[in-house]
Amino acid sequence: MNELIKQLAEQAEEYADSVVDEGGDFHPEYTQKLAELIVGKCLEQIKYMLVDEDEQLFAHDETTDCVNESLMDAHHNIALEFGFGKQFGVEE
Protein backbone atom coordinates (compact mmCIF):
# COMPACT_ATOMS: atom_id res chain seq x y z
CA MET A 1 0.00 0.00 0.00
CA ASN A 2 1.19 3.51 -0.82
CA GLU A 3 2.70 5.34 2.19
CA LEU A 4 0.33 8.29 1.80
CA ILE A 5 -2.67 5.94 1.72
CA LYS A 6 -1.38 4.30 4.92
CA GLN A 7 -1.09 7.68 6.62
CA LEU A 8 -4.57 8.68 5.51
CA ALA A 9 -5.98 5.33 6.66
CA GLU A 10 -4.44 5.88 10.10
CA GLN A 11 -5.97 9.36 10.27
CA ALA A 12 -9.35 7.97 9.24
CA GLU A 13 -9.13 5.22 11.85
CA GLU A 14 -8.29 7.75 14.57
CA TYR A 15 -11.25 9.85 13.46
CA ALA A 16 -13.63 6.86 13.45
CA ASP A 17 -12.45 5.78 16.89
CA SER A 18 -13.11 9.27 18.22
CA VAL A 19 -16.71 9.43 17.00
CA VAL A 20 -17.91 5.82 17.42
CA ASP A 21 -18.39 3.80 20.57
CA GLU A 22 -16.26 0.69 20.80
CA GLY A 23 -17.80 -2.68 20.12
CA GLY A 24 -17.88 -2.99 16.34
CA ASP A 25 -15.17 -3.83 13.86
CA PHE A 26 -16.55 -1.86 10.95
CA HIS A 27 -17.04 1.87 11.17
CA PRO A 28 -18.83 3.59 8.29
CA GLU A 29 -17.26 6.79 9.62
CA TYR A 30 -13.83 5.33 8.85
CA THR A 31 -14.70 4.66 5.23
CA GLN A 32 -16.27 8.10 4.84
CA LYS A 33 -13.30 9.86 6.42
CA LEU A 34 -10.74 7.88 4.40
CA ALA A 35 -12.54 8.76 1.18
CA GLU A 36 -12.71 12.40 2.24
CA LEU A 37 -8.98 12.47 3.03
CA ILE A 38 -8.04 10.86 -0.30
CA VAL A 39 -10.26 13.18 -2.32
CA GLY A 40 -8.92 16.12 -0.31
CA LYS A 41 -5.33 15.22 -1.20
CA CYS A 42 -6.30 14.98 -4.88
CA LEU A 43 -7.96 18.40 -4.73
CA GLU A 44 -4.89 19.87 -3.00
CA GLN A 45 -2.74 18.65 -5.88
CA ILE A 46 -5.04 20.25 -8.44
CA LYS A 47 -4.87 23.60 -6.64
CA TYR A 48 -1.08 23.22 -6.36
CA MET A 49 -0.93 22.91 -10.15
CA LEU A 50 -2.57 26.29 -10.74
CA VAL A 51 -0.24 28.63 -12.57
CA ASP A 52 0.71 31.79 -10.70
CA GLU A 53 1.10 34.97 -12.71
CA ASP A 54 4.79 35.02 -11.78
CA GLU A 55 5.27 31.49 -13.10
CA GLN A 56 3.66 31.75 -16.51
CA LEU A 57 4.37 28.65 -18.52
CA PHE A 58 3.15 30.02 -21.80
CA ALA A 59 3.73 33.15 -23.81
CA HIS A 60 0.06 34.10 -23.75
CA ASP A 61 -1.88 34.97 -20.61
CA GLU A 62 -5.02 33.56 -22.23
CA THR A 63 -3.46 30.09 -22.37
CA THR A 64 -2.52 30.22 -18.70
CA ASP A 65 -6.01 31.43 -17.84
CA CYS A 66 -7.48 28.54 -19.82
CA VAL A 67 -5.25 26.01 -18.00
CA ASN A 68 -6.21 27.43 -14.61
CA GLU A 69 -9.90 27.44 -15.51
CA SER A 70 -9.69 23.81 -16.60
CA LEU A 71 -7.94 22.83 -13.35
CA MET A 72 -10.57 24.60 -11.27
CA ASP A 73 -13.32 22.87 -13.28
CA ALA A 74 -11.64 19.54 -12.49
CA HIS A 75 -11.42 20.51 -8.80
CA HIS A 76 -15.11 21.42 -8.76
CA ASN A 77 -16.27 18.30 -10.60
CA ILE A 78 -14.22 15.89 -8.47
CA ALA A 79 -15.51 17.40 -5.22
CA LEU A 80 -19.11 17.14 -6.42
CA GLU A 81 -18.70 13.67 -7.94
CA PHE A 82 -17.50 12.25 -4.63
CA GLY A 83 -20.10 14.17 -2.64
CA PHE A 84 -17.60 16.38 -0.80
CA GLY A 85 -18.66 19.73 -2.19
CA LYS A 86 -19.53 21.24 1.18
CA GLN A 87 -16.32 20.03 2.86
CA PHE A 88 -14.21 21.68 0.15
CA GLY A 89 -16.25 24.83 -0.41
CA VAL A 90 -17.70 23.74 -3.74
CA GLU A 91 -21.30 24.52 -4.61
CA GLU A 92 -23.34 22.96 -7.38
PDB file of N, CA and C in Angstrom:
ATOM      1  N   MET A   1       0.845  -1.175   0.000  1.00  0.00           N
ATOM      2  CA  MET A   1       0.000   0.000   0.000  1.00  0.00           C
ATOM      3  C   MET A   1       0.894   1.244   0.000  1.00  0.00           C
ATOM      4  N   ASN A   2       0.500   2.240  -0.734  1.00  0.00           N
ATOM      5  CA  ASN A   2       1.192   3.511  -0.817  1.00  0.00           C
ATOM      6  C   ASN A   2       1.314   4.140   0.578  1.00  0.00           C
ATOM      7  N   GLU A   3       2.453   4.752   0.870  1.00  0.00           N
ATOM      8  CA  GLU A   3       2.697   5.341   2.191  1.00  0.00           C
ATOM      9  C   GLU A   3       1.678   6.430   2.529  1.00  0.00           C
ATOM     10  N   LEU A   4       1.319   7.247   1.549  1.00  0.00           N
ATOM     11  CA  LEU A   4       0.331   8.290   1.796  1.00  0.00           C
ATOM     12  C   LEU A   4      -1.022   7.678   2.141  1.00  0.00           C
ATOM     13  N   ILE A   5      -1.403   6.617   1.432  1.00  0.00           N
ATOM     14  CA  ILE A   5      -2.673   5.944   1.722  1.00  0.00           C
ATOM     15  C   ILE A   5      -2.642   5.376   3.146  1.00  0.00           C
ATOM     16  N   LYS A   6      -1.506   4.821   3.550  1.00  0.00           N
ATOM     17  CA  LYS A   6      -1.380   4.302   4.916  1.00  0.00           C
ATOM     18  C   LYS A   6      -1.589   5.416   5.942  1.00  0.00           C
ATOM     19  N   GLN A   7      -0.962   6.566   5.694  1.00  0.00           N
ATOM     20  CA  GLN A   7      -1.095   7.684   6.622  1.00  0.00           C
ATOM     21  C   GLN A   7      -2.544   8.160   6.687  1.00  0.00           C
ATOM     22  N   LEU A   8      -3.182   8.239   5.541  1.00  0.00           N
ATOM     23  CA  LEU A   8      -4.574   8.685   5.513  1.00  0.00           C
ATOM     24  C   LEU A   8      -5.479   7.662   6.193  1.00  0.00           C
ATOM     25  N   ALA A   9      -5.192   6.376   6.007  1.00  0.00           N
ATOM     26  CA  ALA A   9      -5.978   5.330   6.660  1.00  0.00           C
ATOM     27  C   ALA A   9      -5.856   5.432   8.177  1.00  0.00           C
ATOM     28  N   GLU A  10      -4.646   5.711   8.662  1.00  0.00           N
ATOM     29  CA  GLU A  10      -4.442   5.880  10.102  1.00  0.00           C
ATOM     30  C   GLU A  10      -5.227   7.082  10.622  1.00  0.00           C
ATOM     31  N   GLN A  11      -5.209   8.177   9.867  1.00  0.00           N
ATOM     32  CA  GLN A  11      -5.967   9.359  10.269  1.00  0.00           C
ATOM     33  C   GLN A  11      -7.462   9.052  10.302  1.00  0.00           C
ATOM     34  N   ALA A  12      -7.932   8.322   9.308  1.00  0.00           N
ATOM     35  CA  ALA A  12      -9.347   7.970   9.242  1.00  0.00           C
ATOM     36  C   ALA A  12      -9.734   7.060  10.399  1.00  0.00           C
ATOM     37  N   GLU A  13      -8.854   6.117  10.737  1.00  0.00           N
ATOM     38  CA  GLU A  13      -9.132   5.216  11.854  1.00  0.00           C
ATOM     39  C   GLU A  13      -9.196   5.984  13.172  1.00  0.00           C
ATOM     40  N   GLU A  14      -8.271   6.923  13.366  1.00  0.00           N
ATOM     41  CA  GLU A  14      -8.294   7.750  14.575  1.00  0.00           C
ATOM     42  C   GLU A  14      -9.589   8.541  14.648  1.00  0.00           C
ATOM     43  N   TYR A  15     -10.010   9.083  13.506  1.00  0.00           N
ATOM     44  CA  TYR A  15     -11.253   9.846  13.464  1.00  0.00           C
ATOM     45  C   TYR A  15     -12.438   8.952  13.810  1.00  0.00           C
ATOM     46  N   ALA A  16     -12.514   7.780  13.194  1.00  0.00           N
ATOM     47  CA  ALA A  16     -13.630   6.860  13.449  1.00  0.00           C
ATOM     48  C   ALA A  16     -13.670   6.447  14.910  1.00  0.00           C
ATOM     49  N   ASP A  17     -12.507   6.165  15.485  1.00  0.00           N
ATOM     50  CA  ASP A  17     -12.452   5.779  16.891  1.00  0.00           C
ATOM     51  C   ASP A  17     -12.930   6.904  17.800  1.00  0.00           C
ATOM     52  N   SER A  18     -12.720   8.138  17.378  1.00  0.00           N
ATOM     53  CA  SER A  18     -13.107   9.269  18.217  1.00  0.00           C
ATOM     54  C   SER A  18     -14.601   9.570  18.159  1.00  0.00           C
ATOM     55  N   VAL A  19     -15.296   9.105  17.135  1.00  0.00           N
ATOM     56  CA  VAL A  19     -16.715   9.427  16.999  1.00  0.00           C
ATOM     57  C   VAL A  19     -17.632   8.231  17.182  1.00  0.00           C
ATOM     58  N   VAL A  20     -17.087   7.025  17.317  1.00  0.00           N
ATOM     59  CA  VAL A  20     -17.906   5.820  17.422  1.00  0.00           C
ATOM     60  C   VAL A  20     -17.576   5.087  18.712  1.00  0.00           C
ATOM     61  N   ASP A  21     -18.605   4.625  19.372  1.00  0.00           N
ATOM     62  CA  ASP A  21     -18.387   3.800  20.570  1.00  0.00           C
ATOM     63  C   ASP A  21     -17.716   2.501  20.168  1.00  0.00           C
ATOM     64  N   GLU A  22     -16.927   1.968  21.085  1.00  0.00           N
ATOM     65  CA  GLU A  22     -16.262   0.691  20.804  1.00  0.00           C
ATOM     66  C   GLU A  22     -17.286  -0.441  20.783  1.00  0.00           C
ATOM     67  N   GLY A  23     -16.926  -1.523  20.139  1.00  0.00           N
ATOM     68  CA  GLY A  23     -17.799  -2.679  20.117  1.00  0.00           C
ATOM     69  C   GLY A  23     -17.977  -3.265  18.733  1.00  0.00           C
ATOM     70  N   GLY A  24     -17.720  -2.483  17.701  1.00  0.00           N
ATOM     71  CA  GLY A  24     -17.876  -2.987  16.342  1.00  0.00           C
ATOM     72  C   GLY A  24     -16.564  -2.929  15.598  1.00  0.00           C
ATOM     73  N   ASP A  25     -16.402  -3.815  14.653  1.00  0.00           N
ATOM     74  CA  ASP A  25     -15.168  -3.834  13.862  1.00  0.00           C
ATOM     75  C   ASP A  25     -15.224  -2.888  12.682  1.00  0.00           C
ATOM     76  N   PHE A  26     -16.415  -2.667  12.148  1.00  0.00           N
ATOM     77  CA  PHE A  26     -16.550  -1.858  10.946  1.00  0.00           C
ATOM     78  C   PHE A  26     -17.179  -0.522  11.297  1.00  0.00           C
ATOM     79  N   HIS A  27     -16.525   0.530  10.918  1.00  0.00           N
ATOM     80  CA  HIS A  27     -17.038   1.874  11.170  1.00  0.00           C
ATOM     81  C   HIS A  27     -17.301   2.567   9.840  1.00  0.00           C
ATOM     82  N   PRO A  28     -18.562   2.825   9.517  1.00  0.00           N
ATOM     83  CA  PRO A  28     -18.827   3.589   8.288  1.00  0.00           C
ATOM     84  C   PRO A  28     -18.129   4.945   8.304  1.00  0.00           C
ATOM     85  N   GLU A  29     -17.946   5.496   9.507  1.00  0.00           N
ATOM     86  CA  GLU A  29     -17.260   6.789   9.624  1.00  0.00           C
ATOM     87  C   GLU A  29     -15.826   6.696   9.122  1.00  0.00           C
ATOM     88  N   TYR A  30     -15.197   5.534   9.330  1.00  0.00           N
ATOM     89  CA  TYR A  30     -13.828   5.331   8.855  1.00  0.00           C
ATOM     90  C   TYR A  30     -13.786   5.411   7.334  1.00  0.00           C
ATOM     91  N   THR A  31     -14.674   4.682   6.702  1.00  0.00           N
ATOM     92  CA  THR A  31     -14.704   4.657   5.234  1.00  0.00           C
ATOM     93  C   THR A  31     -14.979   6.047   4.682  1.00  0.00           C
ATOM     94  N   GLN A  32     -15.933   6.743   5.274  1.00  0.00           N
ATOM     95  CA  GLN A  32     -16.275   8.096   4.840  1.00  0.00           C
ATOM     96  C   GLN A  32     -15.076   9.030   4.993  1.00  0.00           C
ATOM     97  N   LYS A  33     -14.435   8.967   6.158  1.00  0.00           N
ATOM     98  CA  LYS A  33     -13.302   9.863   6.422  1.00  0.00           C
ATOM     99  C   LYS A  33     -12.123   9.539   5.507  1.00  0.00           C
ATOM    100  N   LEU A  34     -11.838   8.255   5.291  1.00  0.00           N
ATOM    101  CA  LEU A  34     -10.743   7.884   4.403  1.00  0.00           C
ATOM    102  C   LEU A  34     -10.990   8.414   2.994  1.00  0.00           C
ATOM    103  N   ALA A  35     -12.208   8.240   2.510  1.00  0.00           N
ATOM    104  CA  ALA A  35     -12.538   8.759   1.176  1.00  0.00           C
ATOM    105  C   ALA A  35     -12.377  10.275   1.138  1.00  0.00           C
ATOM    106  N   GLU A  36     -12.836  10.948   2.180  1.00  0.00           N
ATOM    107  CA  GLU A  36     -12.709  12.402   2.243  1.00  0.00           C
ATOM    108  C   GLU A  36     -11.247  12.832   2.238  1.00  0.00           C
ATOM    109  N   LEU A  37     -10.408  12.138   2.983  1.00  0.00           N
ATOM    110  CA  LEU A  37      -8.983  12.472   3.027  1.00  0.00           C
ATOM    111  C   LEU A  37      -8.306  12.244   1.677  1.00  0.00           C
ATOM    112  N   ILE A  38      -8.643  11.144   1.008  1.00  0.00           N
ATOM    113  CA  ILE A  38      -8.038  10.860  -0.301  1.00  0.00           C
ATOM    114  C   ILE A  38      -8.478  11.899  -1.327  1.00  0.00           C
ATOM    115  N   VAL A  39      -9.768  12.174  -1.377  1.00  0.00           N
ATOM    116  CA  VAL A  39     -10.257  13.182  -2.322  1.00  0.00           C
ATOM    117  C   VAL A  39      -9.645  14.535  -2.001  1.00  0.00           C
ATOM    118  N   GLY A  40      -9.526  14.850  -0.711  1.00  0.00           N
ATOM    119  CA  GLY A  40      -8.920  16.121  -0.311  1.00  0.00           C
ATOM    120  C   GLY A  40      -7.489  16.262  -0.803  1.00  0.00           C
ATOM    121  N   LYS A  41      -6.714  15.186  -0.702  1.00  0.00           N
ATOM    122  CA  LYS A  41      -5.332  15.221  -1.199  1.00  0.00           C
ATOM    123  C   LYS A  41      -5.310  15.436  -2.712  1.00  0.00           C
ATOM    124  N   CYS A  42      -6.230  14.790  -3.422  1.00  0.00           N
ATOM    125  CA  CYS A  42      -6.304  14.981  -4.875  1.00  0.00           C
ATOM    126  C   CYS A  42      -6.632  16.434  -5.203  1.00  0.00           C
ATOM    127  N   LEU A  43      -7.585  17.013  -4.477  1.00  0.00           N
ATOM    128  CA  LEU A  43      -7.962  18.396  -4.726  1.00  0.00           C
ATOM    129  C   LEU A  43      -6.831  19.359  -4.380  1.00  0.00           C
ATOM    130  N   GLU A  44      -6.072  19.054  -3.336  1.00  0.00           N
ATOM    131  CA  GLU A  44      -4.891  19.871  -3.003  1.00  0.00           C
ATOM    132  C   GLU A  44      -3.907  19.896  -4.161  1.00  0.00           C
ATOM    133  N   GLN A  45      -3.689  18.734  -4.768  1.00  0.00           N
ATOM    134  CA  GLN A  45      -2.744  18.647  -5.881  1.00  0.00           C
ATOM    135  C   GLN A  45      -3.217  19.462  -7.076  1.00  0.00           C
ATOM    136  N   ILE A  46      -4.507  19.451  -7.327  1.00  0.00           N
ATOM    137  CA  ILE A  46      -5.039  20.250  -8.436  1.00  0.00           C
ATOM    138  C   ILE A  46      -4.794  21.725  -8.166  1.00  0.00           C
ATOM    139  N   LYS A  47      -5.097  22.179  -6.961  1.00  0.00           N
ATOM    140  CA  LYS A  47      -4.870  23.599  -6.637  1.00  0.00           C
ATOM    141  C   LYS A  47      -3.390  23.945  -6.697  1.00  0.00           C
ATOM    142  N   TYR A  48      -2.535  23.009  -6.315  1.00  0.00           N
ATOM    143  CA  TYR A  48      -1.083  23.224  -6.357  1.00  0.00           C
ATOM    144  C   TYR A  48      -0.621  23.442  -7.799  1.00  0.00           C
ATOM    145  N   MET A  49      -1.319  22.829  -8.748  1.00  0.00           N
ATOM    146  CA  MET A  49      -0.926  22.908 -10.149  1.00  0.00           C
ATOM    147  C   MET A  49      -1.322  24.230 -10.807  1.00  0.00           C
ATOM    148  N   LEU A  50      -2.163  25.020 -10.159  1.00  0.00           N
ATOM    149  CA  LEU A  50      -2.571  26.293 -10.745  1.00  0.00           C
ATOM    150  C   LEU A  50      -1.337  27.150 -11.036  1.00  0.00           C
ATOM    151  N   VAL A  51      -1.386  27.842 -12.125  1.00  0.00           N
ATOM    152  CA  VAL A  51      -0.245  28.630 -12.570  1.00  0.00           C
ATOM    153  C   VAL A  51      -0.355  30.048 -12.025  1.00  0.00           C
ATOM    154  N   ASP A  52       0.633  30.445 -11.245  1.00  0.00           N
ATOM    155  CA  ASP A  52       0.715  31.787 -10.696  1.00  0.00           C
ATOM    156  C   ASP A  52       1.147  32.745 -11.806  1.00  0.00           C
ATOM    157  N   GLU A  53       0.714  33.980 -11.704  1.00  0.00           N
ATOM    158  CA  GLU A  53       1.098  34.973 -12.714  1.00  0.00           C
ATOM    159  C   GLU A  53       2.611  35.096 -12.844  1.00  0.00           C
ATOM    160  N   ASP A  54       3.332  34.901 -11.755  1.00  0.00           N
ATOM    161  CA  ASP A  54       4.790  35.021 -11.782  1.00  0.00           C
ATOM    162  C   ASP A  54       5.476  33.798 -12.386  1.00  0.00           C
ATOM    163  N   GLU A  55       4.696  32.728 -12.582  1.00  0.00           N
ATOM    164  CA  GLU A  55       5.271  31.486 -13.096  1.00  0.00           C
ATOM    165  C   GLU A  55       4.612  31.071 -14.404  1.00  0.00           C
ATOM    166  N   GLN A  56       4.333  32.031 -15.242  1.00  0.00           N
ATOM    167  CA  GLN A  56       3.655  31.749 -16.505  1.00  0.00           C
ATOM    168  C   GLN A  56       4.437  30.724 -17.311  1.00  0.00           C
ATOM    169  N   LEU A  57       3.734  29.702 -17.743  1.00  0.00           N
ATOM    170  CA  LEU A  57       4.373  28.646 -18.522  1.00  0.00           C
ATOM    171  C   LEU A  57       4.302  28.915 -20.017  1.00  0.00           C
ATOM    172  N   PHE A  58       3.394  29.784 -20.379  1.00  0.00           N
ATOM    173  CA  PHE A  58       3.148  30.017 -21.802  1.00  0.00           C
ATOM    174  C   PHE A  58       3.342  31.491 -22.129  1.00  0.00           C
ATOM    175  N   ALA A  59       3.502  31.769 -23.383  1.00  0.00           N
ATOM    176  CA  ALA A  59       3.729  33.148 -23.815  1.00  0.00           C
ATOM    177  C   ALA A  59       2.466  33.994 -23.714  1.00  0.00           C
ATOM    178  N   HIS A  60       1.319  33.356 -23.735  1.00  0.00           N
ATOM    179  CA  HIS A  60       0.057  34.098 -23.750  1.00  0.00           C
ATOM    180  C   HIS A  60      -0.697  33.914 -22.442  1.00  0.00           C
ATOM    181  N   ASP A  61      -1.108  35.024 -21.848  1.00  0.00           N
ATOM    182  CA  ASP A  61      -1.879  34.971 -20.611  1.00  0.00           C
ATOM    183  C   ASP A  61      -3.161  34.172 -20.779  1.00  0.00           C
ATOM    184  N   GLU A  62      -3.763  34.261 -21.985  1.00  0.00           N
ATOM    185  CA  GLU A  62      -5.023  33.560 -22.226  1.00  0.00           C
ATOM    186  C   GLU A  62      -4.854  32.048 -22.074  1.00  0.00           C
ATOM    187  N   THR A  63      -3.713  31.530 -22.488  1.00  0.00           N
ATOM    188  CA  THR A  63      -3.455  30.092 -22.372  1.00  0.00           C
ATOM    189  C   THR A  63      -3.360  29.698 -20.903  1.00  0.00           C
ATOM    190  N   THR A  64      -2.637  30.491 -20.125  1.00  0.00           N
ATOM    191  CA  THR A  64      -2.520  30.220 -18.697  1.00  0.00           C
ATOM    192  C   THR A  64      -3.883  30.298 -18.032  1.00  0.00           C
ATOM    193  N   ASP A  65      -4.672  31.302 -18.394  1.00  0.00           N
ATOM    194  CA  ASP A  65      -6.014  31.426 -17.837  1.00  0.00           C
ATOM    195  C   ASP A  65      -6.860  30.206 -18.177  1.00  0.00           C
ATOM    196  N   CYS A  66      -6.728  29.714 -19.385  1.00  0.00           N
ATOM    197  CA  CYS A  66      -7.476  28.537 -19.821  1.00  0.00           C
ATOM    198  C   CYS A  66      -7.063  27.301 -19.018  1.00  0.00           C
ATOM    199  N   VAL A  67      -5.758  27.136 -18.791  1.00  0.00           N
ATOM    200  CA  VAL A  67      -5.254  26.007 -17.998  1.00  0.00           C
ATOM    201  C   VAL A  67      -5.803  26.093 -16.576  1.00  0.00           C
ATOM    202  N   ASN A  68      -5.719  27.267 -15.978  1.00  0.00           N
ATOM    203  CA  ASN A  68      -6.211  27.434 -14.612  1.00  0.00           C
ATOM    204  C   ASN A  68      -7.713  27.183 -14.529  1.00  0.00           C
ATOM    205  N   GLU A  69      -8.455  27.658 -15.500  1.00  0.00           N
ATOM    206  CA  GLU A  69      -9.904  27.442 -15.508  1.00  0.00           C
ATOM    207  C   GLU A  69     -10.221  25.948 -15.622  1.00  0.00           C
ATOM    208  N   SER A  70      -9.480  25.244 -16.449  1.00  0.00           N
ATOM    209  CA  SER A  70      -9.690  23.806 -16.598  1.00  0.00           C
ATOM    210  C   SER A  70      -9.369  23.062 -15.303  1.00  0.00           C
ATOM    211  N   LEU A  71      -8.285  23.463 -14.624  1.00  0.00           N
ATOM    212  CA  LEU A  71      -7.936  22.833 -13.349  1.00  0.00           C
ATOM    213  C   LEU A  71      -9.007  23.091 -12.292  1.00  0.00           C
ATOM    214  N   MET A  72      -9.526  24.307 -12.241  1.00  0.00           N
ATOM    215  CA  MET A  72     -10.573  24.605 -11.266  1.00  0.00           C
ATOM    216  C   MET A  72     -11.864  23.863 -11.606  1.00  0.00           C
ATOM    217  N   ASP A  73     -12.157  23.685 -12.890  1.00  0.00           N
ATOM    218  CA  ASP A  73     -13.320  22.874 -13.281  1.00  0.00           C
ATOM    219  C   ASP A  73     -13.138  21.440 -12.808  1.00  0.00           C
ATOM    220  N   ALA A  74     -11.932  20.900 -12.951  1.00  0.00           N
ATOM    221  CA  ALA A  74     -11.645  19.540 -12.488  1.00  0.00           C
ATOM    222  C   ALA A  74     -11.820  19.464 -10.972  1.00  0.00           C
ATOM    223  N   HIS A  75     -11.292  20.440 -10.255  1.00  0.00           N
ATOM    224  CA  HIS A  75     -11.419  20.507  -8.797  1.00  0.00           C
ATOM    225  C   HIS A  75     -12.896  20.474  -8.404  1.00  0.00           C
ATOM    226  N   HIS A  76     -13.681  21.309  -9.034  1.00  0.00           N
ATOM    227  CA  HIS A  76     -15.113  21.423  -8.764  1.00  0.00           C
ATOM    228  C   HIS A  76     -15.835  20.099  -9.034  1.00  0.00           C
ATOM    229  N   ASN A  77     -15.584  19.524 -10.202  1.00  0.00           N
ATOM    230  CA  ASN A  77     -16.272  18.297 -10.600  1.00  0.00           C
ATOM    231  C   ASN A  77     -15.907  17.108  -9.715  1.00  0.00           C
ATOM    232  N   ILE A  78     -14.641  16.994  -9.331  1.00  0.00           N
ATOM    233  CA  ILE A  78     -14.220  15.892  -8.465  1.00  0.00           C
ATOM    234  C   ILE A  78     -14.886  16.019  -7.097  1.00  0.00           C
ATOM    235  N   ALA A  79     -14.882  17.204  -6.534  1.00  0.00           N
ATOM    236  CA  ALA A  79     -15.513  17.405  -5.219  1.00  0.00           C
ATOM    237  C   ALA A  79     -16.993  17.033  -5.270  1.00  0.00           C
ATOM    238  N   LEU A  80     -17.686  17.458  -6.305  1.00  0.00           N
ATOM    239  CA  LEU A  80     -19.105  17.143  -6.419  1.00  0.00           C
ATOM    240  C   LEU A  80     -19.341  15.663  -6.704  1.00  0.00           C
ATOM    241  N   GLU A  81     -18.537  15.081  -7.571  1.00  0.00           N
ATOM    242  CA  GLU A  81     -18.704  13.671  -7.939  1.00  0.00           C
ATOM    243  C   GLU A  81     -18.604  12.754  -6.722  1.00  0.00           C
ATOM    244  N   PHE A  82     -17.688  13.076  -5.815  1.00  0.00           N
ATOM    245  CA  PHE A  82     -17.503  12.247  -4.633  1.00  0.00           C
ATOM    246  C   PHE A  82     -18.361  12.703  -3.453  1.00  0.00           C
ATOM    247  N   GLY A  83     -19.188  13.716  -3.680  1.00  0.00           N
ATOM    248  CA  GLY A  83     -20.099  14.167  -2.636  1.00  0.00           C
ATOM    249  C   GLY A  83     -19.454  14.969  -1.529  1.00  0.00           C
ATOM    250  N   PHE A  84     -18.324  15.610  -1.819  1.00  0.00           N
ATOM    251  CA  PHE A  84     -17.605  16.377  -0.805  1.00  0.00           C
ATOM    252  C   PHE A  84     -17.600  17.872  -1.105  1.00  0.00           C
ATOM    253  N   GLY A  85     -18.602  18.324  -1.829  1.00  0.00           N
ATOM    254  CA  GLY A  85     -18.662  19.734  -2.186  1.00  0.00           C
ATOM    255  C   GLY A  85     -18.613  20.654  -0.988  1.00  0.00           C
ATOM    256  N   LYS A  86     -19.464  20.379   0.002  1.00  0.00           N
ATOM    257  CA  LYS A  86     -19.529  21.244   1.182  1.00  0.00           C
ATOM    258  C   LYS A  86     -18.218  21.274   1.952  1.00  0.00           C
ATOM    259  N   GLN A  87     -17.583  20.105   2.101  1.00  0.00           N
ATOM    260  CA  GLN A  87     -16.323  20.035   2.860  1.00  0.00           C
ATOM    261  C   GLN A  87     -15.218  20.855   2.207  1.00  0.00           C
ATOM    262  N   PHE A  88     -15.279  20.987   0.863  1.00  0.00           N
ATOM    263  CA  PHE A  88     -14.209  21.679   0.148  1.00  0.00           C
ATOM    264  C   PHE A  88     -14.676  22.980  -0.484  1.00  0.00           C
ATOM    265  N   GLY A  89     -15.777  23.525   0.022  1.00  0.00           N
ATOM    266  CA  GLY A  89     -16.254  24.831  -0.413  1.00  0.00           C
ATOM    267  C   GLY A  89     -16.696  24.886  -1.863  1.00  0.00           C
ATOM    268  N   VAL A  90     -17.246  23.788  -2.357  1.00  0.00           N
ATOM    269  CA  VAL A  90     -17.704  23.740  -3.744  1.00  0.00           C
ATOM    270  C   VAL A  90     -19.219  23.648  -3.748  1.00  0.00           C
ATOM    271  N   GLU A  91     -19.843  24.542  -4.488  1.00  0.00           N
ATOM    272  CA  GLU A  91     -21.299  24.524  -4.614  1.00  0.00           C
ATOM    273  C   GLU A  91     -21.699  24.062  -6.012  1.00  0.00           C
ATOM    274  N   GLU A  92     -22.870  23.457  -6.071  1.00  0.00           N
ATOM    275  CA  GLU A  92     -23.338  22.963  -7.383  1.00  0.00           C
ATOM    276  C   GLU A  92     -23.725  24.105  -8.281  1.00  0.00           C
TER     277      GLU A  92
END
